[in-house]
């Protein structure tokens, strides 16, 4: 459901930061409200496994990428929905 709304709405940065914080807390402590010391930087965690990361997607980038994908589809599509938008 979250990913679907990323394709339609530009989420506020403050909310995306809160989601990122919850993801980090869950990974390190198992609870989204409990914070622990992170042993690995967030940018490293977002790298692919082949590069030593955890392949976690940053919510801010996912939101931006999904909206750009929608814009590209609207601009290049010959379907009726694209012409209406």
N, C-alpha and C. Protein backbone atom coordinates (compact mmCIF):
# COMPACT_ATOMS: atom_id res chain seq x y z
N UNK A 1 0.82 -1.19 0.00
CA UNK A 1 0.00 0.00 0.00
C UNK A 1 0.87 1.26 0.00
N UNK A 2 1.95 1.21 0.76
CA UNK A 2 2.84 2.36 0.82
C UNK A 2 3.47 2.63 -0.53
N UNK A 3 3.91 1.60 -1.19
CA UNK A 3 4.54 1.75 -2.49
C UNK A 3 3.55 2.30 -3.52
N UNK A 4 2.28 1.89 -3.45
CA UNK A 4 1.26 2.41 -4.36
C UNK A 4 1.10 3.92 -4.19
N UNK A 5 1.06 4.39 -2.95
CA UNK A 5 0.88 5.82 -2.73
C UNK A 5 2.13 6.61 -3.11
N UNK A 6 3.30 5.96 -3.09
CA UNK A 6 4.52 6.62 -3.56
C UNK A 6 4.42 6.94 -5.04
N UNK A 7 3.68 6.14 -5.80
CA UNK A 7 3.55 6.34 -7.24
C UNK A 7 2.60 7.49 -7.58
N UNK A 8 1.84 7.96 -6.60
CA UNK A 8 0.83 8.97 -6.88
C UNK A 8 1.12 10.31 -6.20
N UNK A 9 1.60 10.26 -4.95
CA UNK A 9 1.77 11.47 -4.15
C UNK A 9 3.23 11.77 -3.88
N UNK A 10 3.55 13.03 -3.81
CA UNK A 10 4.86 13.47 -3.35
C UNK A 10 4.76 13.62 -1.83
N UNK A 11 5.38 12.72 -1.11
CA UNK A 11 5.29 12.73 0.35
C UNK A 11 6.15 13.84 0.94
N UNK A 12 5.74 14.41 2.06
CA UNK A 12 6.57 15.44 2.72
C UNK A 12 7.89 14.83 3.18
N UNK A 13 8.96 15.60 3.09
CA UNK A 13 10.29 15.12 3.46
C UNK A 13 10.33 14.72 4.94
N UNK A 14 9.64 15.47 5.78
CA UNK A 14 9.65 15.14 7.21
C UNK A 14 9.04 13.76 7.47
N UNK A 15 8.00 13.41 6.74
CA UNK A 15 7.38 12.09 6.90
C UNK A 15 8.28 10.99 6.36
N UNK A 16 8.95 11.25 5.26
CA UNK A 16 9.88 10.27 4.70
C UNK A 16 11.07 10.05 5.63
N UNK A 17 11.53 11.11 6.30
CA UNK A 17 12.61 10.95 7.28
C UNK A 17 12.14 10.11 8.46
N UNK A 18 10.90 10.28 8.87
CA UNK A 18 10.35 9.50 9.98
C UNK A 18 10.25 8.02 9.60
N UNK A 19 9.87 7.74 8.37
CA UNK A 19 9.80 6.36 7.89
C UNK A 19 11.21 5.75 7.87
N UNK A 20 12.18 6.51 7.39
CA UNK A 20 13.56 6.04 7.36
C UNK A 20 14.06 5.74 8.78
N UNK A 21 13.74 6.61 9.70
CA UNK A 21 14.13 6.41 11.10
C UNK A 21 13.51 5.14 11.66
N UNK A 22 12.25 4.90 11.36
CA UNK A 22 11.57 3.69 11.83
C UNK A 22 12.21 2.42 11.25
N UNK A 23 12.58 2.48 9.97
CA UNK A 23 13.23 1.33 9.33
C UNK A 23 14.57 1.04 10.01
N UNK A 24 15.37 2.08 10.24
CA UNK A 24 16.66 1.90 10.90
C UNK A 24 16.50 1.34 12.30
N UNK A 25 15.56 1.89 13.07
CA UNK A 25 15.33 1.40 14.42
C UNK A 25 14.92 -0.07 14.41
N UNK A 26 14.07 -0.45 13.47
CA UNK A 26 13.61 -1.84 13.40
C UNK A 26 14.76 -2.79 13.06
N UNK A 27 15.62 -2.37 12.14
CA UNK A 27 16.75 -3.23 11.75
C UNK A 27 17.68 -3.46 12.93
N UNK A 28 17.99 -2.42 13.68
CA UNK A 28 18.99 -2.56 14.75
C UNK A 28 18.41 -3.04 16.07
N UNK A 29 17.15 -2.73 16.38
CA UNK A 29 16.62 -3.11 17.70
C UNK A 29 15.42 -4.06 17.63
N UNK A 30 14.78 -4.17 16.46
CA UNK A 30 13.59 -5.02 16.35
C UNK A 30 12.32 -4.30 16.75
N UNK A 31 12.42 -3.02 17.07
CA UNK A 31 11.28 -2.23 17.50
C UNK A 31 11.43 -0.84 16.88
N UNK A 32 10.36 -0.32 16.26
CA UNK A 32 10.47 0.96 15.57
C UNK A 32 10.59 2.15 16.52
N UNK A 33 10.21 1.97 17.77
CA UNK A 33 10.27 3.08 18.73
C UNK A 33 11.55 3.09 19.56
N UNK A 34 12.29 1.99 19.55
CA UNK A 34 13.51 1.88 20.35
C UNK A 34 14.73 2.12 19.48
N UNK A 35 15.55 3.07 19.87
CA UNK A 35 16.74 3.41 19.09
C UNK A 35 17.98 2.78 19.72
N UNK A 36 18.86 2.25 18.88
CA UNK A 36 20.14 1.71 19.32
C UNK A 36 21.23 2.29 18.44
N UNK A 37 22.45 2.09 18.84
CA UNK A 37 23.59 2.58 18.07
C UNK A 37 23.68 1.78 16.77
N UNK A 38 23.76 2.50 15.66
CA UNK A 38 23.89 1.86 14.35
C UNK A 38 25.35 1.49 14.10
N UNK A 39 25.55 0.27 13.67
CA UNK A 39 26.91 -0.21 13.42
C UNK A 39 27.35 0.04 11.96
N UNK A 40 26.38 0.33 11.09
CA UNK A 40 26.66 0.53 9.67
C UNK A 40 25.93 1.80 9.22
N UNK A 41 26.60 2.62 8.41
CA UNK A 41 25.99 3.86 7.91
C UNK A 41 24.80 3.54 7.00
N UNK A 42 23.83 4.44 6.99
CA UNK A 42 22.61 4.24 6.20
C UNK A 42 22.92 4.13 4.71
N UNK A 43 23.85 4.94 4.21
CA UNK A 43 24.19 4.88 2.79
C UNK A 43 24.82 3.55 2.42
N UNK A 44 25.52 2.92 3.37
CA UNK A 44 26.10 1.59 3.13
C UNK A 44 24.99 0.54 3.12
N UNK A 45 24.01 0.69 4.01
CA UNK A 45 22.90 -0.26 4.07
C UNK A 45 22.06 -0.23 2.80
N UNK A 46 22.03 0.91 2.13
CA UNK A 46 21.23 1.05 0.91
C UNK A 46 21.94 0.52 -0.33
N UNK A 47 23.20 0.15 -0.20
CA UNK A 47 23.93 -0.39 -1.34
C UNK A 47 23.48 -1.82 -1.65
N UNK A 48 23.69 -2.29 -2.87
CA UNK A 48 23.36 -3.68 -3.21
C UNK A 48 24.23 -4.66 -2.42
N UNK A 49 23.76 -5.89 -2.26
CA UNK A 49 24.50 -6.91 -1.53
C UNK A 49 25.87 -7.17 -2.15
N UNK A 50 25.96 -7.08 -3.46
CA UNK A 50 27.23 -7.32 -4.14
C UNK A 50 28.29 -6.29 -3.75
N UNK A 51 27.85 -5.11 -3.30
CA UNK A 51 28.78 -4.06 -2.89
C UNK A 51 28.93 -3.98 -1.38
N UNK A 52 28.40 -4.96 -0.65
CA UNK A 52 28.55 -5.00 0.79
C UNK A 52 27.42 -4.36 1.57
N UNK A 53 26.31 -4.06 0.92
CA UNK A 53 25.17 -3.43 1.59
C UNK A 53 24.07 -4.44 1.90
N UNK A 54 22.93 -3.92 2.33
CA UNK A 54 21.77 -4.75 2.66
C UNK A 54 20.65 -4.66 1.63
N UNK A 55 20.84 -3.88 0.58
CA UNK A 55 19.85 -3.67 -0.48
C UNK A 55 18.54 -3.12 0.07
N UNK A 56 18.63 -2.19 1.01
CA UNK A 56 17.44 -1.52 1.55
C UNK A 56 17.21 -0.27 0.72
N UNK A 57 15.97 -0.03 0.34
CA UNK A 57 15.64 1.14 -0.46
C UNK A 57 15.34 2.33 0.44
N UNK A 58 15.94 3.46 0.15
CA UNK A 58 15.69 4.69 0.88
C UNK A 58 14.31 5.22 0.46
N UNK A 59 13.38 5.42 1.41
CA UNK A 59 12.03 5.88 1.05
C UNK A 59 11.99 7.19 0.27
N UNK A 60 12.92 8.10 0.56
CA UNK A 60 12.94 9.37 -0.19
C UNK A 60 13.25 9.14 -1.66
N UNK A 61 14.21 8.26 -1.93
CA UNK A 61 14.56 7.97 -3.31
C UNK A 61 13.47 7.16 -4.02
N UNK A 62 12.83 6.26 -3.30
CA UNK A 62 11.75 5.46 -3.89
C UNK A 62 10.59 6.38 -4.30
N UNK A 63 10.25 7.34 -3.45
CA UNK A 63 9.17 8.27 -3.76
C UNK A 63 9.51 9.11 -4.98
N UNK A 64 10.72 9.64 -5.02
CA UNK A 64 11.15 10.45 -6.16
C UNK A 64 11.18 9.63 -7.44
N UNK A 65 11.74 8.43 -7.37
CA UNK A 65 11.83 7.56 -8.55
C UNK A 65 10.45 7.18 -9.08
N UNK A 66 9.52 6.87 -8.18
CA UNK A 66 8.18 6.48 -8.60
C UNK A 66 7.46 7.63 -9.30
N UNK A 67 7.61 8.84 -8.79
CA UNK A 67 6.97 10.00 -9.41
C UNK A 67 7.60 10.32 -10.77
N UNK A 68 8.91 10.19 -10.87
CA UNK A 68 9.57 10.40 -12.15
C UNK A 68 9.15 9.35 -13.17
N UNK A 69 8.97 8.13 -12.72
CA UNK A 69 8.51 7.06 -13.61
C UNK A 69 7.10 7.37 -14.14
N UNK A 70 6.23 7.87 -13.26
CA UNK A 70 4.88 8.25 -13.68
C UNK A 70 4.93 9.38 -14.70
N UNK A 71 5.77 10.38 -14.46
CA UNK A 71 5.91 11.49 -15.42
C UNK A 71 6.40 10.99 -16.77
N UNK A 72 7.36 10.07 -16.75
CA UNK A 72 7.89 9.52 -18.00
C UNK A 72 6.81 8.76 -18.76
N UNK A 73 6.04 7.95 -18.04
CA UNK A 73 4.97 7.19 -18.69
C UNK A 73 3.91 8.11 -19.28
N UNK A 74 3.57 9.19 -18.56
CA UNK A 74 2.57 10.12 -19.09
C UNK A 74 3.09 10.85 -20.32
N UNK A 75 4.37 11.16 -20.33
CA UNK A 75 4.93 11.90 -21.45
C UNK A 75 5.19 11.08 -22.69
N UNK A 76 5.41 9.79 -22.53
CA UNK A 76 5.78 8.96 -23.68
C UNK A 76 4.69 7.99 -24.11
N UNK A 77 3.62 7.88 -23.35
CA UNK A 77 2.58 6.91 -23.67
C UNK A 77 1.57 7.47 -24.67
N UNK A 78 1.08 6.60 -25.55
CA UNK A 78 0.02 6.98 -26.49
C UNK A 78 -1.35 6.49 -26.01
N UNK A 79 -1.41 6.00 -24.78
CA UNK A 79 -2.68 5.50 -24.26
C UNK A 79 -3.58 6.66 -23.85
N UNK A 80 -4.86 6.36 -23.74
CA UNK A 80 -5.86 7.38 -23.49
C UNK A 80 -5.67 8.06 -22.12
N UNK A 81 -5.31 7.30 -21.07
CA UNK A 81 -5.14 7.88 -19.74
C UNK A 81 -4.04 8.95 -19.76
N UNK A 82 -3.01 8.74 -20.55
CA UNK A 82 -1.91 9.71 -20.60
C UNK A 82 -2.35 11.00 -21.28
N UNK A 83 -3.19 10.88 -22.32
CA UNK A 83 -3.68 12.08 -23.00
C UNK A 83 -4.63 12.87 -22.13
N UNK A 84 -5.41 12.19 -21.29
CA UNK A 84 -6.34 12.87 -20.40
C UNK A 84 -5.58 13.64 -19.32
N UNK A 85 -4.54 13.01 -18.79
CA UNK A 85 -3.73 13.68 -17.73
C UNK A 85 -2.95 14.82 -18.31
